[in-house]
Each structure stands twice: as structure tokens, then as C-alpha cells.
C-alpha atoms as a PDB file:
ATOM      1  CA  MET A   1       0.000   0.000   0.000  1.00  0.00           C
ATOM      2  CA  GLU A   2       2.858   2.379   0.725  1.00  0.00           C
ATOM      3  CA  LYS A   3       4.396   4.040  -2.336  1.00  0.00           C
ATOM      4  CA  VAL A   4       7.808   5.639  -1.841  1.00  0.00           C
ATOM      5  CA  ILE A   5       8.514   8.463  -4.294  1.00  0.00           C
ATOM      6  CA  LYS A   6      11.435  10.784  -4.944  1.00  0.00           C
ATOM      7  CA  PRO A   7      10.347  14.255  -6.086  1.00  0.00           C
ATOM      8  CA  THR A   8      12.490  16.771  -7.929  1.00  0.00           C
ATOM      9  CA  SER A   9      15.212  18.748  -6.187  1.00  0.00           C
ATOM     10  CA  GLY A  10      14.079  21.854  -4.390  1.00  0.00           C
ATOM     11  CA  TYR A  11      17.195  23.889  -5.180  1.00  0.00           C
ATOM     12  CA  SER A  12      16.179  24.567  -8.767  1.00  0.00           C
ATOM     13  CA  ALA A  13      12.671  25.468  -7.575  1.00  0.00           C
ATOM     14  CA  ILE A  14      14.154  28.002  -5.149  1.00  0.00           C
ATOM     15  CA  GLY A  15      16.132  29.539  -8.012  1.00  0.00           C
ATOM     16  CA  ILE A  16      13.037  29.814 -10.220  1.00  0.00           C
ATOM     17  CA  GLY A  17      11.034  31.277  -7.345  1.00  0.00           C
ATOM     18  CA  ILE A  18      13.662  33.933  -6.653  1.00  0.00           C
ATOM     19  CA  VAL A  19      13.848  34.865 -10.347  1.00  0.00           C
ATOM     20  CA  LEU A  20      10.057  35.219 -10.556  1.00  0.00           C
ATOM     21  CA  LEU A  21      10.029  37.302  -7.383  1.00  0.00           C
ATOM     22  CA  LEU A  22      12.650  39.672  -8.751  1.00  0.00           C
ATOM     23  CA  MET A  23      10.851  39.848 -12.095  1.00  0.00           C
ATOM     24  CA  SER A  24       7.587  40.808 -10.395  1.00  0.00           C
ATOM     25  CA  GLY A  25       9.308  43.671  -8.569  1.00  0.00           C
ATOM     26  CA  TYR A  26      11.000  44.825 -11.750  1.00  0.00           C
ATOM     27  CA  ILE A  27       7.742  44.754 -13.747  1.00  0.00           C
ATOM     28  CA  VAL A  28       5.951  46.820 -11.104  1.00  0.00           C
ATOM     29  CA  TYR A  29       8.868  49.250 -11.056  1.00  0.00           C
ATOM     30  CA  LEU A  30       8.761  49.702 -14.833  1.00  0.00           C
ATOM     31  CA  SER A  31       4.993  50.141 -14.831  1.00  0.00           C
ATOM     32  CA  VAL A  32       5.226  52.916 -12.248  1.00  0.00           C
ATOM     33  CA  LEU A  33       8.232  54.516 -13.945  1.00  0.00           C
ATOM     34  CA  ASN A  34       6.593  54.544 -17.386  1.00  0.00           C
ATOM     35  CA  ASP A  35       3.087  55.242 -16.119  1.00  0.00           C
ATOM     36  CA  ARG A  36       1.789  51.903 -17.435  1.00  0.00           C
ATOM     37  CA  PRO A  37      -0.692  50.747 -14.746  1.00  0.00           C
ATOM     38  CA  GLY A  38      -1.709  47.756 -16.855  1.00  0.00           C
ATOM     39  CA  PHE A  39       1.659  46.111 -16.196  1.00  0.00           C
ATOM     40  CA  ILE A  40       1.016  46.150 -12.439  1.00  0.00           C
ATOM     41  CA  PHE A  41      -1.478  43.327 -12.941  1.00  0.00           C
ATOM     42  CA  LEU A  42       1.200  41.338 -14.785  1.00  0.00           C
ATOM     43  CA  GLY A  43       3.638  41.961 -11.929  1.00  0.00           C
ATOM     44  CA  ILE A  44       1.072  40.666  -9.444  1.00  0.00           C
ATOM     45  CA  LEU A  45       0.577  37.503 -11.492  1.00  0.00           C
ATOM     46  CA  VAL A  46       4.327  36.867 -11.600  1.00  0.00           C
ATOM     47  CA  PHE A  47       4.529  37.474  -7.835  1.00  0.00           C
ATOM     48  CA  LEU A  48       1.715  34.951  -7.218  1.00  0.00           C
ATOM     49  CA  ALA A  49       3.562  32.449  -9.418  1.00  0.00           C
ATOM     50  CA  SER A  50       6.687  32.831  -7.251  1.00  0.00           C
ATOM     51  CA  VAL A  51       4.606  32.305  -4.095  1.00  0.00           C
ATOM     52  CA  PHE A  52       3.090  29.199  -5.682  1.00  0.00           C
ATOM     53  CA  ILE A  53       6.581  27.834  -6.386  1.00  0.00           C
ATOM     54  CA  PHE A  54       7.809  28.521  -2.839  1.00  0.00           C
ATOM     55  CA  LYS A  55       4.760  26.764  -1.382  1.00  0.00           C
ATOM     56  CA  GLY A  56       5.818  23.523  -3.075  1.00  0.00           C
ATOM     57  CA  ILE A  57       9.262  23.478  -1.452  1.00  0.00           C
ATOM     58  CA  LEU A  58       9.655  21.229   1.586  1.00  0.00           C
ATOM     59  CA  ILE A  59      12.481  19.891   3.740  1.00  0.00           C
ATOM     60  CA  VAL A  60      12.610  16.267   4.925  1.00  0.00           C
ATOM     61  CA  HIS A  61      14.938  15.721   7.866  1.00  0.00           C
ATOM     62  CA  PRO A  62      16.801  12.420   8.481  1.00  0.00           C
ATOM     63  CA  ASN A  63      14.530   9.627   9.790  1.00  0.00           C
ATOM     64  CA  HIS A  64      11.438  11.632   8.915  1.00  0.00           C
ATOM     65  CA  SER A  65       8.994  11.410   6.033  1.00  0.00           C
ATOM     66  CA  ARG A  66       6.213  13.303   4.296  1.00  0.00           C
ATOM     67  CA  VAL A  67       2.945  11.621   3.328  1.00  0.00           C
ATOM     68  CA  LEU A  68       1.543  13.400   0.268  1.00  0.00           C
ATOM     69  CA  ASN A  69      -2.186  13.727  -0.358  1.00  0.00           C
ATOM     70  CA  PHE A  70      -3.914  15.344  -3.350  1.00  0.00           C
ATOM     71  CA  PHE A  71      -7.558  16.275  -2.662  1.00  0.00           C
ATOM     72  CA  GLY A  72      -8.222  13.080  -0.715  1.00  0.00           C
ATOM     73  CA  SER A  73      -6.068  10.757  -2.820  1.00  0.00           C
ATOM     74  CA  TYR A  74      -2.823   9.247  -1.549  1.00  0.00           C
ATOM     75  CA  VAL A  75       0.061  10.276  -3.821  1.00  0.00           C
ATOM     76  CA  GLY A  76       3.064   8.704  -2.121  1.00  0.00           C
ATOM     77  CA  THR A  77       5.592   9.028   0.684  1.00  0.00           C
ATOM     78  CA  ILE A  78       8.930  10.838   0.673  1.00  0.00           C
ATOM     79  CA  LYS A  79      11.422   9.004   2.895  1.00  0.00           C
ATOM     80  CA  GLU A  80      14.669  10.410   1.546  1.00  0.00           C
ATOM     81  CA  ASN A  81      15.974  13.423   3.426  1.00  0.00           C
ATOM     82  CA  GLY A  82      16.791  16.675   1.682  1.00  0.00           C
ATOM     83  CA  LEU A  83      15.213  19.688  -0.033  1.00  0.00           C
ATOM     84  CA  PHE A  84      12.461  18.828  -2.522  1.00  0.00           C
ATOM     85  CA  PHE A  85       9.803  20.399  -4.691  1.00  0.00           C
ATOM     86  CA  VAL A  86       6.325  18.876  -4.974  1.00  0.00           C
ATOM     87  CA  ASN A  87       3.032  19.997  -6.393  1.00  0.00           C
ATOM     88  CA  PRO A  88       2.046  23.005  -4.244  1.00  0.00           C
ATOM     89  CA  LEU A  89      -1.517  21.654  -4.132  1.00  0.00           C
ATOM     90  CA  TYR A  90      -0.361  18.527  -2.280  1.00  0.00           C
ATOM     91  CA  THR A  91      -0.981  18.230   1.444  1.00  0.00           C
ATOM     92  CA  ALA A  92       2.233  17.040   3.131  1.00  0.00           C
ATOM     93  CA  THR A  93       1.869  15.328   6.515  1.00  0.00           C
ATOM     94  CA  LYS A  94       4.987  14.990   8.668  1.00  0.00           C
ATOM     95  CA  MET A  95       5.672  11.532  10.068  1.00  0.00           C
ATOM     96  CA  SER A  96       8.663  10.466  12.133  1.00  0.00           C
ATOM     97  CA  LEU A  97      10.467   7.210  11.291  1.00  0.00           C
ATOM     98  CA  ARG A  98      12.612   7.245  14.425  1.00  0.00           C
ATOM     99  CA  SER A  99      12.415   4.568  17.100  1.00  0.00           C
ATOM    100  CA  GLU A 100      10.064   5.338  19.978  1.00  0.00           C
ATOM    101  CA  ASN A 101      10.067   4.021  23.553  1.00  0.00           C
ATOM    102  CA  LEU A 102       6.786   3.194  25.242  1.00  0.00           C
ATOM    103  CA  GLN A 103       7.032   2.710  29.003  1.00  0.00           C
ATOM    104  CA  GLY A 104       3.697   1.090  29.731  1.00  0.00           C
ATOM    105  CA  GLN A 105       1.957   1.740  33.003  1.00  0.00           C
ATOM    106  CA  THR A 106       2.007  -0.981  35.642  1.00  0.00           C
ATOM    107  CA  LEU A 107      -1.158  -3.043  35.233  1.00  0.00           C
ATOM    108  CA  LYS A 108      -2.914  -5.006  37.947  1.00  0.00           C
ATOM    109  CA  VAL A 109      -4.346  -8.219  36.483  1.00  0.00           C
ATOM    110  CA  ASN A 110      -4.930 -11.851  37.417  1.00  0.00           C
ATOM    111  CA  ASP A 111      -2.518 -14.475  36.136  1.00  0.00           C
ATOM    112  CA  LYS A 112      -3.576 -17.846  34.726  1.00  0.00           C
ATOM    113  CA  MET A 113      -4.141 -19.225  38.241  1.00  0.00           C
ATOM    114  CA  GLY A 114      -6.279 -16.239  39.272  1.00  0.00           C
ATOM    115  CA  ASN A 115      -3.660 -14.579  41.473  1.00  0.00           C
ATOM    116  CA  PRO A 116      -3.551 -10.757  41.284  1.00  0.00           C
ATOM    117  CA  ILE A 117      -0.204  -9.556  39.956  1.00  0.00           C
ATOM    118  CA  GLU A 118       1.382  -6.324  38.808  1.00  0.00           C
ATOM    119  CA  ILE A 119       2.999  -6.301  35.373  1.00  0.00           C
ATOM    120  CA  GLY A 120       4.491  -3.684  33.076  1.00  0.00           C
ATOM    121  CA  ALA A 121       6.471  -3.691  29.835  1.00  0.00           C
ATOM    122  CA  VAL A 122       8.823  -1.517  27.796  1.00  0.00           C
ATOM    123  CA  ILE A 123       8.309  -1.512  24.035  1.00  0.00           C
ATOM    124  CA  VAL A 124      10.586  -0.108  21.319  1.00  0.00           C
ATOM    125  CA  TRP A 125       8.756   0.576  18.059  1.00  0.00           C
ATOM    126  CA  LYS A 126       8.791   2.682  14.928  1.00  0.00           C
ATOM    127  CA  ILE A 127       6.622   3.394  11.906  1.00  0.00           C
ATOM    128  CA  GLY A 128       7.410   1.049   9.015  1.00  0.00           C
ATOM    129  CA  ASP A 129       4.453   1.624   6.664  1.00  0.00           C
ATOM    130  CA  THR A 130       3.487   5.293   6.511  1.00  0.00           C
ATOM    131  CA  TYR A 131       0.306   4.625   4.519  1.00  0.00           C
ATOM    132  CA  LYS A 132      -1.167   2.370   7.221  1.00  0.00           C
ATOM    133  CA  ALA A 133      -0.027   4.687  10.018  1.00  0.00           C
ATOM    134  CA  ALA A 134      -1.585   7.708   8.322  1.00  0.00           C
ATOM    135  CA  TYR A 135      -4.832   6.262   6.985  1.00  0.00           C
ATOM    136  CA  ASP A 136      -5.673   2.976   8.747  1.00  0.00           C
ATOM    137  CA  VAL A 137      -5.731   4.308  12.329  1.00  0.00           C
ATOM    138  CA  GLU A 138      -6.987   7.570  13.822  1.00  0.00           C
ATOM    139  CA  ARG A 139      -4.059   8.394  16.110  1.00  0.00           C
ATOM    140  CA  VAL A 140      -1.079   6.089  15.808  1.00  0.00           C
ATOM    141  CA  PHE A 141       0.421   6.820  19.249  1.00  0.00           C
ATOM    142  CA  ASP A 142      -2.877   6.154  21.038  1.00  0.00           C
ATOM    143  CA  TYR A 143      -3.290   2.970  19.008  1.00  0.00           C
ATOM    144  CA  VAL A 144       0.155   1.700  20.005  1.00  0.00           C
ATOM    145  CA  ARG A 145      -0.500   2.475  23.670  1.00  0.00           C
ATOM    146  CA  ALA A 146      -3.911   0.758  23.751  1.00  0.00           C
ATOM    147  CA  GLN A 147      -2.834  -2.351  21.837  1.00  0.00           C
ATOM    148  CA  SER A 148       0.339  -2.696  23.914  1.00  0.00           C
ATOM    149  CA  GLU A 149      -1.688  -2.644  27.119  1.00  0.00           C
ATOM    150  CA  ALA A 150      -4.054  -5.263  25.698  1.00  0.00           C
ATOM    151  CA  ALA A 151      -1.121  -7.489  24.704  1.00  0.00           C
ATOM    152  CA  VAL A 152       0.447  -7.280  28.180  1.00  0.00           C
ATOM    153  CA  ARG A 153      -2.889  -8.138  29.802  1.00  0.00           C
ATOM    154  CA  HIS A 154      -3.330 -11.121  27.504  1.00  0.00           C
ATOM    155  CA  LEU A 155       0.198 -12.323  28.305  1.00  0.00           C
ATOM    156  CA  ALA A 156      -0.487 -12.089  32.052  1.00  0.00           C
ATOM    157  CA  VAL A 157      -3.670 -14.189  31.928  1.00  0.00           C
ATOM    158  CA  SER A 158      -2.036 -16.792  29.655  1.00  0.00           C
ATOM    159  CA  PHE A 159       0.663 -17.897  32.124  1.00  0.00           C
ATOM    160  CA  ALA A 160       1.031 -18.455  35.842  1.00  0.00           C
ATOM    161  CA  TYR A 161       3.255 -16.078  37.795  1.00  0.00           C
ATOM    162  CA  ASP A 162       5.397 -19.000  38.994  1.00  0.00           C
ATOM    163  CA  ASP A 163       5.129 -22.772  39.477  1.00  0.00           C
ATOM    164  CA  LEU A 164       3.985 -22.742  43.120  1.00  0.00           C
ATOM    165  CA  GLU A 165       0.417 -23.585  42.119  1.00  0.00           C
ATOM    166  CA  ASP A 166       1.088 -24.986  38.660  1.00  0.00           C
ATOM    167  CA  ASP A 167       4.188 -27.152  38.939  1.00  0.00           C
ATOM    168  CA  THR A 168       3.517 -28.665  35.499  1.00  0.00           C
ATOM    169  CA  ALA A 169       3.854 -25.333  33.696  1.00  0.00           C
ATOM    170  CA  GLU A 170       6.727 -25.266  31.227  1.00  0.00           C
ATOM    171  CA  ILE A 171       6.729 -21.473  31.074  1.00  0.00           C
ATOM    172  CA  THR A 172       5.889 -19.013  33.834  1.00  0.00           C
ATOM    173  CA  LEU A 173       6.042 -15.241  33.861  1.00  0.00           C
ATOM    174  CA  ARG A 174       8.805 -15.185  36.458  1.00  0.00           C
ATOM    175  CA  ASN A 175      11.008 -17.900  35.001  1.00  0.00           C
ATOM    176  CA  GLY A 176      10.165 -17.551  31.297  1.00  0.00           C
ATOM    177  CA  GLY A 177      12.815 -14.930  30.657  1.00  0.00           C
ATOM    178  CA  GLU A 178      13.548 -14.316  26.982  1.00  0.00           C
ATOM    179  CA  GLU A 179      10.858 -16.752  25.880  1.00  0.00           C
ATOM    180  CA  VAL A 180       8.141 -14.682  27.573  1.00  0.00           C
ATOM    181  CA  ASN A 181       9.559 -11.525  26.008  1.00  0.00           C
ATOM    182  CA  HIS A 182       9.566 -13.240  22.627  1.00  0.00           C
ATOM    183  CA  ILE A 183       5.912 -14.250  23.014  1.00  0.00           C
ATOM    184  CA  LEU A 184       5.009 -10.667  23.936  1.00  0.00           C
ATOM    185  CA  GLU A 185       6.948  -9.302  20.968  1.00  0.00           C
ATOM    186  CA  ASN A 186       5.189 -11.668  18.554  1.00  0.00           C
ATOM    187  CA  GLU A 187       1.744 -10.704  19.823  1.00  0.00           C
ATOM    188  CA  LEU A 188       2.586  -7.005  19.609  1.00  0.00           C
ATOM    189  CA  THR A 189       3.832  -7.477  16.047  1.00  0.00           C
ATOM    190  CA  GLU A 190       0.555  -9.128  15.094  1.00  0.00           C
ATOM    191  CA  ARG A 191      -1.553  -6.412  16.714  1.00  0.00           C
ATOM    192  CA  LEU A 192       0.437  -3.381  15.556  1.00  0.00           C
ATOM    193  CA  SER A 193       1.178  -4.502  11.989  1.00  0.00           C
ATOM    194  CA  LYS A 194      -2.325  -3.295  11.086  1.00  0.00           C
ATOM    195  CA  ALA A 195      -1.089   0.244  11.727  1.00  0.00           C
ATOM    196  CA  GLY A 196       2.213  -0.200   9.904  1.00  0.00           C
ATOM    197  CA  ILE A 197       4.186  -0.417  13.162  1.00  0.00           C
ATOM    198  CA  VAL A 198       7.435  -2.381  13.462  1.00  0.00           C
ATOM    199  CA  VAL A 199       8.104  -3.762  16.960  1.00  0.00           C
ATOM    200  CA  GLN A 200      11.864  -3.731  17.535  1.00  0.00           C
ATOM    201  CA  GLU A 201      11.913  -4.965  21.119  1.00  0.00           C
ATOM    202  CA  ALA A 202       9.482  -5.807  23.922  1.00  0.00           C
ATOM    203  CA  ARG A 203      10.471  -6.668  27.485  1.00  0.00           C
ATOM    204  CA  ILE A 204       8.750  -7.143  30.815  1.00  0.00           C
ATOM    205  CA  SER A 205       9.976  -4.261  32.978  1.00  0.00           C
ATOM    206  CA  HIS A 206       7.988  -4.923  36.170  1.00  0.00           C
ATOM    207  CA  LEU A 207       6.580  -8.155  37.583  1.00  0.00           C
ATOM    208  CA  ALA A 208       5.383  -8.782  41.135  1.00  0.00           C
ATOM    209  CA  TYR A 209       2.503 -10.155  43.144  1.00  0.00           C
ATOM    210  CA  ALA A 210      -0.099  -7.567  44.073  1.00  0.00           C
ATOM    211  CA  ALA A 211       0.389  -6.008  47.503  1.00  0.00           C
ATOM    212  CA  GLU A 212      -2.586  -7.801  49.072  1.00  0.00           C
ATOM    213  CA  ILE A 213      -1.119 -11.278  48.490  1.00  0.00           C
ATOM    214  CA  ALA A 214       2.597 -10.524  48.306  1.00  0.00           C
ATOM    215  CA  GLY A 215       3.215 -11.420  51.961  1.00  0.00           C
ATOM    216  CA  ALA A 216       1.303 -14.695  51.774  1.00  0.00           C
ATOM    217  CA  MET A 217       3.015 -15.755  48.555  1.00  0.00           C
ATOM    218  CA  LEU A 218       6.433 -14.943  50.035  1.00  0.00           C
ATOM    219  CA  GLN A 219       5.674 -17.232  52.972  1.00  0.00           C
ATOM    220  CA  ARG A 220       4.633 -19.976  50.559  1.00  0.00           C
ATOM    221  CA  GLN A 221       7.864 -19.579  48.622  1.00  0.00           C
ATOM    222  CA  GLN A 222       9.894 -19.813  51.822  1.00  0.00           C
ATOM    223  CA  ALA A 223       7.967 -22.872  52.969  1.00  0.00           C
ATOM    224  CA  ALA A 224       8.419 -24.542  49.585  1.00  0.00           C
ATOM    225  CA  ALA A 225      12.152 -23.810  49.690  1.00  0.00           C
ATOM    226  CA  ILE A 226      12.437 -25.356  53.187  1.00  0.00           C
ATOM    227  CA  VAL A 227      10.535 -28.475  52.096  1.00  0.00           C
ATOM    228  CA  ALA A 228      12.728 -28.832  49.011  1.00  0.00           C
ATOM    229  CA  ALA A 229      15.890 -28.429  51.089  1.00  0.00           C
ATOM    230  CA  ARG A 230      14.788 -31.100  53.567  1.00  0.00           C
ATOM    231  CA  ALA A 231      13.854 -33.486  50.782  1.00  0.00           C
ATOM    232  CA  LYS A 232      17.253 -32.962  49.226  1.00  0.00           C
ATOM    233  CA  ILE A 233      18.988 -33.762  52.521  1.00  0.00           C
ATOM    234  CA  VAL A 234      16.959 -36.928  52.974  1.00  0.00           C
END
């Protein structure tokens, strides 16, 4: 869907615009000097032409882009940085291609076993498809935030916090490590690809039992460790 285009250089357009601007001033000067008011209208037309040229000049900074739209129709995307000239009637929307960090808020949810836990994640993402980001979602940053929160919640309810209550679990949130992060990253990629978003990294940044059961679960962990130590001695 995305169409990357490379418009003409803007330096030549600047030169033409300056020439037209100087010509308009010179024509008005001659019309006043020679008492030829009819040439003032010509000078105004040349001046408007120079303004029209200048309006089509735009600058694209590194890791930025411009999404071009012509009366409701998508024209293309400029991803190359530099000074360019486009049709002055185009609407150019700025869009950053730089990597963004999303520090998600700490969520309080129930894990697979029904225990209340606190979980949060850090996500590194960037816009990969400017067409989808511009036209398939209303506000791309709000979309990323909402879908990231939904993905973290789904991850939390899909696995137990640890193996105290589910000792058959192959993966838990606490011991899953890189595998849990990989699962989160895959789900985020699936959710955010609809908006043209590329997920570069996703990691669990906070994981703990909720305050109301933290003490009880700590006692259970200590008791389980004591039982395991005694069984090992025997």
C-alpha cells in the first residue's frame, strides 16, 4: 500500500522562485516609472507564481517522512531526506520514522491461576508503513498504547506467575525470561502490523505479586524452599 517516491530537487525550484520574485518587482517598477498601470497586474501575477513555487518546497529531515495527499487521494511518501519540490496543491503530513520508547503503566491483572499480579512492559517501536499509520488508524500513538496494554494483559492471563500452584507449567512469567519476552513481541507485532508499526523490542519491565497477596506468597515460597531443602537432605 505504501508508495515511496522521490520528487524533484528543491534547489532549482528556489532559483526559479527567486527569479520570478525579482521579475515581479521589476515589472511593477517599470509600470510605475513609465506610467503603465496595466503592467502592475502582470507583476502581481508573476509574484503569485513565485509564491506558488515557494509553497511547493519542503524539507525532509533524516529519519522523517512526508505523506503526500492530493484532494483526498494518496500520492506517495517521501522518505529520503533533503530539499524537494512537490506539487504546491499537495498536502504534506509529517511523520517520524525514528524509534520510539513506550514505558507502559504498571497493570494489575490476574494471572492464569487467578492470582492478582502487577505487570508492566517496555516496548521499542517505529513506523514502518506510513500509509497504514496515516490512513488505517486515527491516532497512531494512542493505538500503540492501547494495543500494547491489551497485549500485556493477555500475556499475564495466559501464564502463571510461577510454578507454586502450577508445577507442570513449562513457562511461567517469572522464570520464562527471553521466551516470555519473545511471546510478547510476537503478539505485539501481530496487533500493531495493522497500523504499519514495526516492533523492535518488547520486554517485561515490572513483575510482582499484588500487595494484598505478596506477603502470603512470600511465605509460601519460603515454605516450599524449606521443604525442598529437607527433601534434598533426605
